[in-house]
Amino acid sequence: MNERVRRDVDQLVRVGELFNRMPLTKSHFFVGFVLFIISVIEAWEMMLIIFISPSIASDFHLSDLQIGSLLGSIYLGMIPGAYMWGIISDKIGRRNSLIYSLLGFSILSITSAFSVNFEMLYALRFTAGLALGGVMVAGYPYFEEMLPVKQRGKGIVYLSAGWPLGTLMALGMTALFLERDGLIGGWRAVLILSSLVGLWTLLLRKIPESPYWLAGKGKQKEAKEAIGYLSNGQITLKEEQSLWVQPIEKGSYTSIFKKKLLKLTTYQTLVNFAFAFGYWGLYTWLPTLLAQRGLALSESLTFLALSTLFQIPSYLVASSLTGRYGRKKIMVIFVLLTVICGFGFAFSAGMIQMYSFYFGLSFFSLGAWGVWNAWFGEIYPTNSRSSGYSFGAAAQRWANAFAPSIIGLVIGMGWAFGQTISFVQSFVVITLIIILFIPETEGEILE
């Protein structure tokens, strides 16, 4: 190697190597806080329409079919939204995607509060889902690209804990405002208040763009400033040094279907669909299924609230374990225990067994989701990370859209409680088998 080539190579610095030796700083905690609330907002907005739907149905005199369509509207919108924002995020950046997505959602959501009929409300909630797709696909890859290698797994699992918190907040807002009279009551007031989440973009603007993305776009000055911010000035780079990430076709879905990425894309898409089907198919029909076992509606809602509380410590446990033993081992163990608890729930002999097995299922399935959110966002190179992540996230929304209808069909065919739960759990078994073929990423430097 001649002297000039050697000098050029010495001046190239892999961004991943910097994050491998970067300390965890107060800047990471601030970034984590900002993005954690984004995770809470996503869950909050996705669950809210479920809780306020009875009031909307009464106001607009909706049929069961129309209620079901309205519940699925935001999820259907998030499917094309995920594909669209995956490409946008790789082109304009993670932070900008979150900002534009959240602002667009807020505007559409507050507009939907003034809907005059079902058709207008459905169209606006669908379009709001299209905008919310950016929040879904950009948040996790963004945080992964901001964390030191050693803390990446724990951080992402903690971020996932926003889901149960967002669900509980949606429940709380519904309980506080839905039955009130006047301007501060009813489903319209709930939607208006929930639309204020767009104000969170003011804090989003205070954190830097991903150094990986900046380096991939050739924005060397901004990338170095972001590294300096995250490391609290403990990592400095010379002016002649250049940050480097693995080059790959940018902002295109074709890249995730080429060569070695094709197999990964196939595996993660199947896992996302199967695991989401297993979770969502059960969750949306749980009150009906519990009624088959003799629980009243109020008892079913209490059951749901308690099981949601069980999800919070599951993320903390999963976060600690994945950093110690790796993504794959903990994911396999948690999904296996989900399957065991799921079939135990299906064939429980009494209320004590039923509560115990479902709380176990809730604990292990949501802990596994936390690990999965960290794992599958790491398997792609920087310039295809959002495209790959969004493709898998869209598979989740396909499952969200189809699972309630399919489970409703088998219940309508007269399937018993145990048969229905077993059918749902078969998708979790599929998940368990497929994750065995996905490579471990714990401790690996992002490319």
Protein backbone atom coordinates (compact mmCIF):
# COMPACT_ATOMS: atom_id res chain seq x y z
CA MET A 1 0.00 0.00 0.00
CA ASN A 2 1.53 3.36 -1.01
CA GLU A 3 1.81 6.26 1.44
CA ARG A 4 -1.09 8.28 -0.01
CA VAL A 5 -3.53 5.34 0.12
CA ARG A 6 -2.41 4.51 3.66
CA ARG A 7 -2.96 8.12 4.74
CA ASP A 8 -6.46 8.18 3.20
CA VAL A 9 -7.37 4.94 4.99
CA ASP A 10 -6.06 6.27 8.32
CA GLN A 11 -8.26 9.34 7.95
CA LEU A 12 -11.44 7.23 7.58
CA VAL A 13 -13.18 6.58 10.91
CA ARG A 14 -16.02 4.07 11.17
CA VAL A 15 -18.97 5.59 13.00
CA GLY A 16 -19.68 2.20 14.56
CA GLU A 17 -16.19 2.10 16.11
CA LEU A 18 -16.81 5.46 17.78
CA PHE A 19 -20.02 4.16 19.33
CA ASN A 20 -18.16 1.05 20.47
CA ARG A 21 -15.96 3.19 22.73
CA MET A 22 -18.41 6.01 23.42
CA PRO A 23 -19.39 6.46 27.10
CA LEU A 24 -23.02 6.66 28.18
CA THR A 25 -23.67 10.35 28.90
CA LYS A 26 -26.45 12.64 30.10
CA SER A 27 -27.08 13.50 26.43
CA HIS A 28 -28.11 9.89 25.79
CA PHE A 29 -30.57 10.08 28.68
CA PHE A 30 -32.12 13.25 27.27
CA VAL A 31 -32.42 11.71 23.80
CA GLY A 32 -33.88 8.57 25.40
CA PHE A 33 -36.45 10.60 27.31
CA VAL A 34 -37.57 12.48 24.20
CA LEU A 35 -37.91 9.28 22.16
CA PHE A 36 -39.53 7.36 25.02
CA ILE A 37 -42.40 9.86 25.00
CA ILE A 38 -42.65 9.33 21.24
CA SER A 39 -43.14 5.62 21.97
CA VAL A 40 -45.81 6.48 24.54
CA ILE A 41 -47.57 8.73 22.03
CA GLU A 42 -47.64 6.00 19.37
CA ALA A 43 -49.31 3.49 21.72
CA TRP A 44 -51.64 6.14 23.12
CA GLU A 45 -52.93 7.20 19.72
CA MET A 46 -53.28 3.65 18.42
CA MET A 47 -55.30 2.46 21.42
CA LEU A 48 -57.43 5.58 21.99
CA ILE A 49 -59.88 4.93 19.16
CA ILE A 50 -60.67 1.51 20.64
CA PHE A 51 -61.70 3.01 23.98
CA ILE A 52 -63.80 5.88 22.58
CA SER A 53 -65.47 3.86 19.81
CA PRO A 54 -68.67 3.09 21.82
CA SER A 55 -69.32 6.84 22.20
CA ILE A 56 -68.66 7.45 18.49
CA ALA A 57 -70.94 4.55 17.56
CA SER A 58 -73.74 6.01 19.66
CA ASP A 59 -73.27 9.50 18.19
CA PHE A 60 -73.24 8.38 14.55
CA HIS A 61 -75.54 5.34 14.98
CA LEU A 62 -72.94 2.94 13.60
CA SER A 63 -73.42 -0.73 12.81
CA ASP A 64 -71.02 -3.40 14.13
CA LEU A 65 -69.40 -3.53 10.69
CA GLN A 66 -68.81 0.23 10.69
CA ILE A 67 -67.35 0.11 14.22
CA GLY A 68 -64.97 -2.63 13.15
CA SER A 69 -63.96 -0.63 10.08
CA LEU A 70 -63.35 2.48 12.16
CA LEU A 71 -61.16 0.54 14.62
CA GLY A 72 -59.04 -0.70 11.74
CA SER A 73 -58.83 2.63 9.92
CA ILE A 74 -55.68 3.97 11.59
CA TYR A 75 -53.92 0.60 11.24
CA LEU A 76 -54.80 0.36 7.56
CA GLY A 77 -53.42 3.85 7.09
CA MET A 78 -50.20 2.88 8.85
CA ILE A 79 -49.52 0.11 6.29
CA PRO A 80 -48.84 2.37 3.28
CA GLY A 81 -47.52 4.91 5.80
CA ALA A 82 -44.83 2.48 6.94
CA TYR A 83 -43.69 1.75 3.38
CA MET A 84 -43.71 5.45 2.52
CA TRP A 85 -41.92 6.71 5.63
CA GLY A 86 -39.31 3.95 5.46
CA ILE A 87 -37.98 5.45 2.24
CA ILE A 88 -38.51 9.04 3.44
CA SER A 89 -36.60 8.38 6.67
CA ASP A 90 -33.60 7.02 4.76
CA LYS A 91 -33.70 10.11 2.52
CA ILE A 92 -34.43 13.06 4.86
CA GLY A 93 -33.27 11.65 8.20
CA ARG A 94 -34.74 10.02 11.29
CA ARG A 95 -35.39 13.21 13.27
CA ASN A 96 -37.05 15.11 10.40
CA SER A 97 -39.28 12.11 9.69
CA LEU A 98 -40.45 12.04 13.31
CA ILE A 99 -41.12 15.78 13.31
CA TYR A 100 -43.08 15.86 10.05
CA SER A 101 -44.93 12.66 10.88
CA LEU A 102 -46.01 13.83 14.33
CA LEU A 103 -47.06 17.28 13.12
CA GLY A 104 -49.04 15.80 10.23
CA PHE A 105 -50.77 13.35 12.55
CA SER A 106 -51.68 16.08 15.04
CA ILE A 107 -53.27 18.26 12.35
CA LEU A 108 -55.29 15.38 10.91
CA SER A 109 -56.29 14.11 14.35
CA ILE A 110 -57.62 17.45 15.54
CA THR A 111 -59.48 17.84 12.24
CA SER A 112 -61.10 14.43 12.73
CA ALA A 113 -62.61 15.68 16.00
CA PHE A 114 -64.90 17.90 13.92
CA SER A 115 -66.16 15.10 11.65
CA VAL A 116 -69.84 15.38 10.75
CA ASN A 117 -70.37 11.76 9.74
CA PHE A 118 -68.81 8.31 9.73
CA GLU A 119 -67.32 8.63 6.24
CA MET A 120 -65.46 11.84 7.10
CA LEU A 121 -64.17 10.41 10.39
CA TYR A 122 -63.01 7.19 8.72
CA ALA A 123 -61.15 9.05 5.97
CA LEU A 124 -59.41 11.37 8.43
CA ARG A 125 -58.40 8.53 10.81
CA PHE A 126 -57.05 6.54 7.86
CA THR A 127 -55.02 9.55 6.70
CA ALA A 128 -53.86 10.18 10.27
CA GLY A 129 -52.57 6.59 10.30
CA LEU A 130 -50.68 7.35 7.10
CA ALA A 131 -48.91 10.18 8.94
CA LEU A 132 -48.39 8.17 12.14
CA GLY A 133 -46.50 5.56 10.12
CA GLY A 134 -43.45 7.82 10.30
CA VAL A 135 -43.46 7.71 14.09
CA MET A 136 -43.68 3.92 13.95
CA VAL A 137 -40.76 3.32 11.59
CA ALA A 138 -38.30 6.08 12.54
CA GLY A 139 -38.25 6.06 16.34
CA TYR A 140 -36.51 2.75 17.13
CA PRO A 141 -33.85 2.88 14.38
CA TYR A 142 -33.12 6.48 15.40
CA PHE A 143 -32.51 5.58 19.06
CA GLU A 144 -30.39 2.56 18.09
CA GLU A 145 -28.16 4.86 16.06
CA MET A 146 -27.72 7.22 19.03
CA LEU A 147 -26.67 4.72 21.71
CA PRO A 148 -23.27 3.22 22.60
CA VAL A 149 -22.95 -0.41 21.52
CA LYS A 150 -23.01 -1.80 25.07
CA GLN A 151 -26.18 0.05 26.04
CA ARG A 152 -28.05 -0.33 22.75
CA GLY A 153 -30.10 -3.40 23.67
CA LYS A 154 -31.11 -2.17 27.11
CA GLY A 155 -32.03 1.24 25.77
CA ILE A 156 -34.30 -0.04 23.02
CA VAL A 157 -36.13 -2.42 25.35
CA TYR A 158 -36.70 0.45 27.79
CA LEU A 159 -38.10 2.46 24.87
CA SER A 160 -40.61 -0.33 24.22
CA ALA A 161 -41.99 0.18 27.74
CA GLY A 162 -43.79 3.20 26.30
CA TRP A 163 -46.45 0.84 24.93
CA PRO A 164 -48.14 -0.15 28.23
CA LEU A 165 -47.75 3.39 29.57
CA GLY A 166 -49.40 4.81 26.45
CA THR A 167 -52.20 2.26 26.75
CA LEU A 168 -52.83 3.20 30.38
CA MET A 169 -52.80 6.91 29.48
CA ALA A 170 -55.38 6.30 26.75
CA LEU A 171 -57.53 4.44 29.28
CA GLY A 172 -57.12 7.25 31.80
CA MET A 173 -57.96 10.03 29.33
CA THR A 174 -61.05 8.13 28.21
CA ALA A 175 -62.18 7.63 31.80
CA LEU A 176 -61.63 11.32 32.66
CA PHE A 177 -63.20 13.03 29.67
CA LEU A 178 -65.45 10.67 27.69
CA GLU A 179 -68.51 10.90 29.94
CA ARG A 180 -68.21 14.65 30.68
CA ASP A 181 -70.63 17.16 29.22
CA GLY A 182 -69.75 20.37 27.41
CA LEU A 183 -66.58 21.46 25.65
CA ILE A 184 -64.25 19.36 27.81
CA GLY A 185 -66.17 16.13 27.45
CA GLY A 186 -67.06 13.50 24.87
CA TRP A 187 -65.06 11.72 22.21
CA ARG A 188 -64.41 14.93 20.28
CA ALA A 189 -62.73 16.52 23.31
CA VAL A 190 -60.62 13.39 23.81
CA LEU A 191 -59.39 13.57 20.21
CA ILE A 192 -58.63 17.29 20.47
CA LEU A 193 -56.61 16.82 23.67
CA SER A 194 -54.73 13.85 22.21
CA SER A 195 -53.84 15.96 19.16
CA LEU A 196 -51.68 18.25 21.30
CA VAL A 197 -48.89 15.66 21.05
CA GLY A 198 -47.60 17.66 18.08
CA LEU A 199 -46.11 20.09 20.61
CA TRP A 200 -43.55 17.41 21.46
CA THR A 201 -41.75 18.26 18.22
CA LEU A 202 -40.37 21.32 20.05
CA LEU A 203 -38.18 18.96 22.09
CA LEU A 204 -37.43 16.76 19.10
CA ARG A 205 -35.75 19.76 17.47
CA LYS A 206 -33.33 20.01 20.40
CA ILE A 207 -31.66 16.64 19.73
CA PRO A 208 -29.29 15.98 16.81
CA GLU A 209 -29.82 13.82 13.77
CA SER A 210 -28.31 10.32 13.76
CA PRO A 211 -24.52 10.47 13.15
CA TYR A 212 -24.82 7.26 11.11
CA TRP A 213 -27.35 8.85 8.78
CA LEU A 214 -25.39 12.11 8.56
CA ALA A 215 -22.17 10.29 7.70
CA GLY A 216 -23.99 8.19 5.11
CA LYS A 217 -25.21 11.39 3.48
CA GLY A 218 -21.74 12.95 3.49
CA LYS A 219 -22.69 15.59 6.06
CA GLN A 220 -19.35 15.37 7.83
CA LYS A 221 -19.55 18.59 9.87
CA GLU A 222 -23.02 17.79 11.28
CA ALA A 223 -22.04 14.16 11.97
CA LYS A 224 -18.97 15.23 13.96
CA GLU A 225 -21.06 17.75 15.93
CA ALA A 226 -23.59 15.00 16.75
CA ILE A 227 -20.78 12.71 17.96
CA GLY A 228 -19.46 15.55 20.12
CA TYR A 229 -22.94 16.19 21.57
CA LEU A 230 -23.62 12.54 22.40
CA SER A 231 -20.17 11.98 23.94
CA ASN A 232 -20.31 15.28 25.88
CA GLY A 233 -17.12 16.31 24.08
CA GLN A 234 -15.22 13.18 25.13
CA ILE A 235 -14.76 12.08 21.51
CA THR A 236 -13.18 14.64 19.18
CA LEU A 237 -12.27 14.26 15.55
CA LYS A 238 -9.69 16.08 13.49
CA GLU A 239 -10.82 18.21 10.58
CA GLU A 240 -9.07 15.96 8.06
CA GLN A 241 -10.74 12.79 9.41
CA SER A 242 -13.88 11.53 7.66
CA LEU A 243 -16.67 9.48 9.21
CA TRP A 244 -17.63 6.33 7.31
CA VAL A 245 -20.58 3.92 7.19
CA GLN A 246 -21.01 0.91 4.95
CA PRO A 247 -22.11 2.12 1.49
CA ILE A 248 -25.29 0.57 0.11
CA GLU A 249 -28.11 1.58 -2.20
CA LYS A 250 -29.86 4.41 -0.39
CA GLY A 251 -33.52 4.97 0.36
CA SER A 252 -34.76 2.03 -1.69
CA TYR A 253 -36.64 -1.14 -0.86
CA THR A 254 -34.73 -3.03 -3.54
CA SER A 255 -31.64 -3.07 -1.30
CA ILE A 256 -33.33 -5.22 1.39
CA PHE A 257 -34.17 -7.90 -1.19
CA LYS A 258 -30.63 -8.29 -2.51
CA LYS A 259 -27.99 -10.89 -1.66
CA LYS A 260 -27.61 -11.61 2.07
CA LEU A 261 -30.34 -9.15 3.09
CA LEU A 262 -33.04 -11.12 1.27
CA LYS A 263 -32.97 -13.96 3.80
CA LEU A 264 -33.03 -11.54 6.73
CA THR A 265 -35.91 -9.62 5.21
CA THR A 266 -37.91 -12.82 4.74
CA TYR A 267 -37.30 -14.00 8.30
CA GLN A 268 -38.04 -10.68 10.02
CA THR A 269 -41.18 -10.08 7.94
CA LEU A 270 -42.58 -13.49 8.91
CA VAL A 271 -41.73 -12.92 12.57
CA ASN A 272 -43.34 -9.48 12.57
CA PHE A 273 -46.54 -10.77 10.99
CA ALA A 274 -46.83 -13.97 13.06
CA PHE A 275 -45.95 -12.39 16.40
CA ALA A 276 -48.26 -9.40 15.84
CA PHE A 277 -51.08 -11.73 14.75
CA GLY A 278 -50.64 -13.78 17.92
CA TYR A 279 -50.69 -10.72 20.17
CA TRP A 280 -53.30 -8.56 18.45
CA GLY A 281 -55.67 -11.37 17.53
CA LEU A 282 -55.96 -12.28 21.20
CA TYR A 283 -55.98 -8.73 22.64
CA THR A 284 -58.79 -7.35 20.46
CA TRP A 285 -61.12 -10.26 21.19
CA LEU A 286 -60.17 -10.85 24.82
CA PRO A 287 -63.35 -9.31 26.33
CA THR A 288 -65.49 -11.57 24.13
CA LEU A 289 -63.38 -14.61 24.95
CA LEU A 290 -63.49 -13.84 28.66
CA ALA A 291 -67.27 -13.54 28.43
CA GLN A 292 -67.26 -17.17 27.26
CA ARG A 293 -65.64 -17.99 30.59
CA GLY A 294 -68.27 -16.05 32.55
CA LEU A 295 -66.62 -12.64 33.10
CA ALA A 296 -68.76 -9.50 32.83
CA LEU A 297 -67.57 -6.55 30.72
CA SER A 298 -66.40 -4.56 33.77
CA GLU A 299 -64.44 -7.60 34.97
CA SER A 300 -62.89 -7.98 31.51
CA LEU A 301 -61.72 -4.36 31.47
CA THR A 302 -60.18 -4.81 34.94
CA PHE A 303 -58.50 -7.95 33.62
CA LEU A 304 -57.04 -5.94 30.71
CA ALA A 305 -55.84 -3.13 32.97
CA LEU A 306 -54.10 -5.51 35.38
CA SER A 307 -52.46 -7.45 32.55
CA THR A 308 -51.20 -4.15 31.09
CA LEU A 309 -49.54 -3.34 34.43
CA PHE A 310 -47.75 -6.70 34.23
CA GLN A 311 -46.19 -5.56 30.96
CA ILE A 312 -44.18 -2.76 32.56
CA PRO A 313 -41.80 -4.89 34.69
CA SER A 314 -41.44 -7.32 31.78
CA TYR A 315 -39.53 -4.67 29.79
CA LEU A 316 -37.24 -3.95 32.72
CA VAL A 317 -36.42 -7.63 33.14
CA ALA A 318 -35.96 -8.18 29.39
CA SER A 319 -33.74 -5.12 29.14
CA SER A 320 -31.43 -6.35 31.87
CA LEU A 321 -31.22 -9.88 30.50
CA THR A 322 -30.68 -9.03 26.83
CA GLY A 323 -27.66 -6.89 27.68
CA ARG A 324 -26.21 -9.78 29.66
CA TYR A 325 -27.08 -12.83 27.56
CA GLY A 326 -27.89 -11.46 24.10
CA ARG A 327 -30.97 -10.84 21.98
CA LYS A 328 -31.44 -14.34 20.63
CA LYS A 329 -31.29 -16.33 23.86
CA ILE A 330 -33.66 -14.05 25.75
CA MET A 331 -36.07 -13.76 22.82
CA VAL A 332 -36.22 -17.56 22.46
CA ILE A 333 -36.79 -18.05 26.20
CA PHE A 334 -39.47 -15.34 26.44
CA VAL A 335 -41.35 -16.54 23.34
CA LEU A 336 -41.18 -20.15 24.56
CA LEU A 337 -42.64 -19.12 27.92
CA THR A 338 -45.29 -17.10 26.06
CA VAL A 339 -46.32 -20.26 24.21
CA ILE A 340 -46.46 -22.30 27.43
CA CYS A 341 -48.52 -19.65 29.22
CA GLY A 342 -50.73 -19.22 26.17
CA PHE A 343 -51.71 -22.86 25.97
CA GLY A 344 -52.07 -22.90 29.76
CA PHE A 345 -54.50 -19.99 29.44
CA ALA A 346 -56.40 -21.80 26.69
CA PHE A 347 -57.04 -24.87 28.82
CA SER A 348 -57.08 -23.35 32.32
CA ALA A 349 -59.33 -25.20 34.75
CA GLY A 350 -60.45 -22.24 36.84
CA MET A 351 -60.18 -18.49 37.39
CA ILE A 352 -56.94 -18.66 39.35
CA GLN A 353 -55.22 -20.61 36.58
CA MET A 354 -56.74 -18.37 33.93
CA TYR A 355 -55.48 -15.18 35.62
CA SER A 356 -52.05 -16.68 36.36
CA PHE A 357 -51.43 -17.97 32.85
CA TYR A 358 -52.64 -14.80 31.13
CA PHE A 359 -50.57 -12.53 33.34
CA GLY A 360 -47.59 -14.77 32.53
CA LEU A 361 -48.45 -14.57 28.83
CA SER A 362 -48.71 -10.79 29.06
CA PHE A 363 -45.38 -10.52 30.90
CA PHE A 364 -43.33 -12.72 28.57
CA SER A 365 -44.92 -11.66 25.26
CA LEU A 366 -44.36 -7.94 25.86
CA GLY A 367 -40.83 -8.56 27.15
CA ALA A 368 -40.17 -10.48 23.95
CA TRP A 369 -41.56 -7.55 21.92
CA GLY A 370 -39.09 -5.27 23.65
CA VAL A 371 -36.17 -7.52 22.72
CA TRP A 372 -37.47 -7.89 19.17
CA ASN A 373 -37.72 -4.13 18.67
CA ALA A 374 -34.01 -3.92 19.47
CA TRP A 375 -33.00 -6.99 17.51
CA PHE A 376 -34.63 -6.57 14.14
CA GLY A 377 -33.67 -2.91 13.85
CA GLU A 378 -30.00 -3.91 14.06
CA ILE A 379 -29.81 -6.44 11.23
CA TYR A 380 -29.68 -3.87 8.41
CA PRO A 381 -26.90 -1.45 7.37
CA THR A 382 -27.45 2.26 8.09
CA ASN A 383 -28.67 3.32 4.64
CA SER A 384 -31.26 0.54 4.54
CA ARG A 385 -32.15 0.42 8.23
CA SER A 386 -35.35 2.46 8.01
CA SER A 387 -36.46 0.71 4.81
CA GLY A 388 -35.91 -2.71 6.38
CA TYR A 389 -37.47 -1.75 9.68
CA SER A 390 -40.50 -0.17 8.02
CA PHE A 391 -41.07 -3.25 5.83
CA GLY A 392 -41.25 -5.41 8.95
CA ALA A 393 -43.35 -2.83 10.81
CA ALA A 394 -45.82 -2.83 7.92
CA ALA A 395 -46.12 -6.60 8.32
CA GLN A 396 -47.22 -5.95 11.90
CA ARG A 397 -49.95 -3.62 10.67
CA TRP A 398 -51.13 -6.18 8.12
CA ALA A 399 -51.53 -8.55 11.06
CA ASN A 400 -53.32 -5.83 13.07
CA ALA A 401 -55.74 -5.38 10.18
CA PHE A 402 -56.44 -9.05 9.45
CA ALA A 403 -56.23 -10.73 12.86
CA PRO A 404 -59.46 -9.30 14.38
CA SER A 405 -61.50 -10.34 11.34
CA ILE A 406 -60.04 -13.84 11.18
CA ILE A 407 -60.44 -14.44 14.91
CA GLY A 408 -63.98 -13.07 14.70
CA LEU A 409 -64.68 -15.54 11.89
CA VAL A 410 -63.57 -18.59 13.89
CA ILE A 411 -65.50 -17.41 16.96
CA GLY A 412 -68.56 -16.98 14.74
CA MET A 413 -68.07 -20.56 13.53
CA GLY A 414 -68.61 -21.72 17.09
CA TRP A 415 -65.04 -22.46 18.12
CA ALA A 416 -64.66 -22.94 21.86
CA PHE A 417 -62.43 -20.80 24.09
CA GLY A 418 -59.57 -23.30 24.09
CA GLN A 419 -59.69 -23.84 20.32
CA THR A 420 -59.58 -20.12 19.57
CA ILE A 421 -56.69 -19.41 21.94
CA SER A 422 -54.77 -22.41 20.58
CA PHE A 423 -55.24 -21.13 17.02
CA VAL A 424 -53.84 -17.73 18.03
CA GLN A 425 -50.93 -19.37 19.86
CA SER A 426 -49.98 -21.34 16.74
CA PHE A 427 -48.71 -18.05 15.29
CA VAL A 428 -46.49 -17.57 18.35
CA VAL A 429 -45.10 -21.08 17.75
CA ILE A 430 -44.25 -20.03 14.18
CA THR A 431 -42.46 -17.01 15.65
CA LEU A 432 -40.42 -19.24 17.96
CA ILE A 433 -39.25 -21.43 15.06
CA ILE A 434 -38.25 -18.59 12.74
CA ILE A 435 -36.21 -16.58 15.26
CA LEU A 436 -33.87 -19.55 15.58
CA PHE A 437 -32.54 -18.68 12.10
CA ILE A 438 -31.88 -14.97 12.71
CA PRO A 439 -28.29 -14.03 13.64
CA GLU A 440 -27.39 -12.54 17.01
CA THR A 441 -26.55 -8.82 17.04
CA GLU A 442 -25.80 -8.18 20.74
CA GLY A 443 -22.52 -6.29 20.99
CA GLU A 444 -22.15 -5.99 17.22
CA ILE A 445 -21.11 -2.66 15.72
CA LEU A 446 -23.76 -1.13 13.48
CA GLU A 447 -22.66 -0.75 9.86
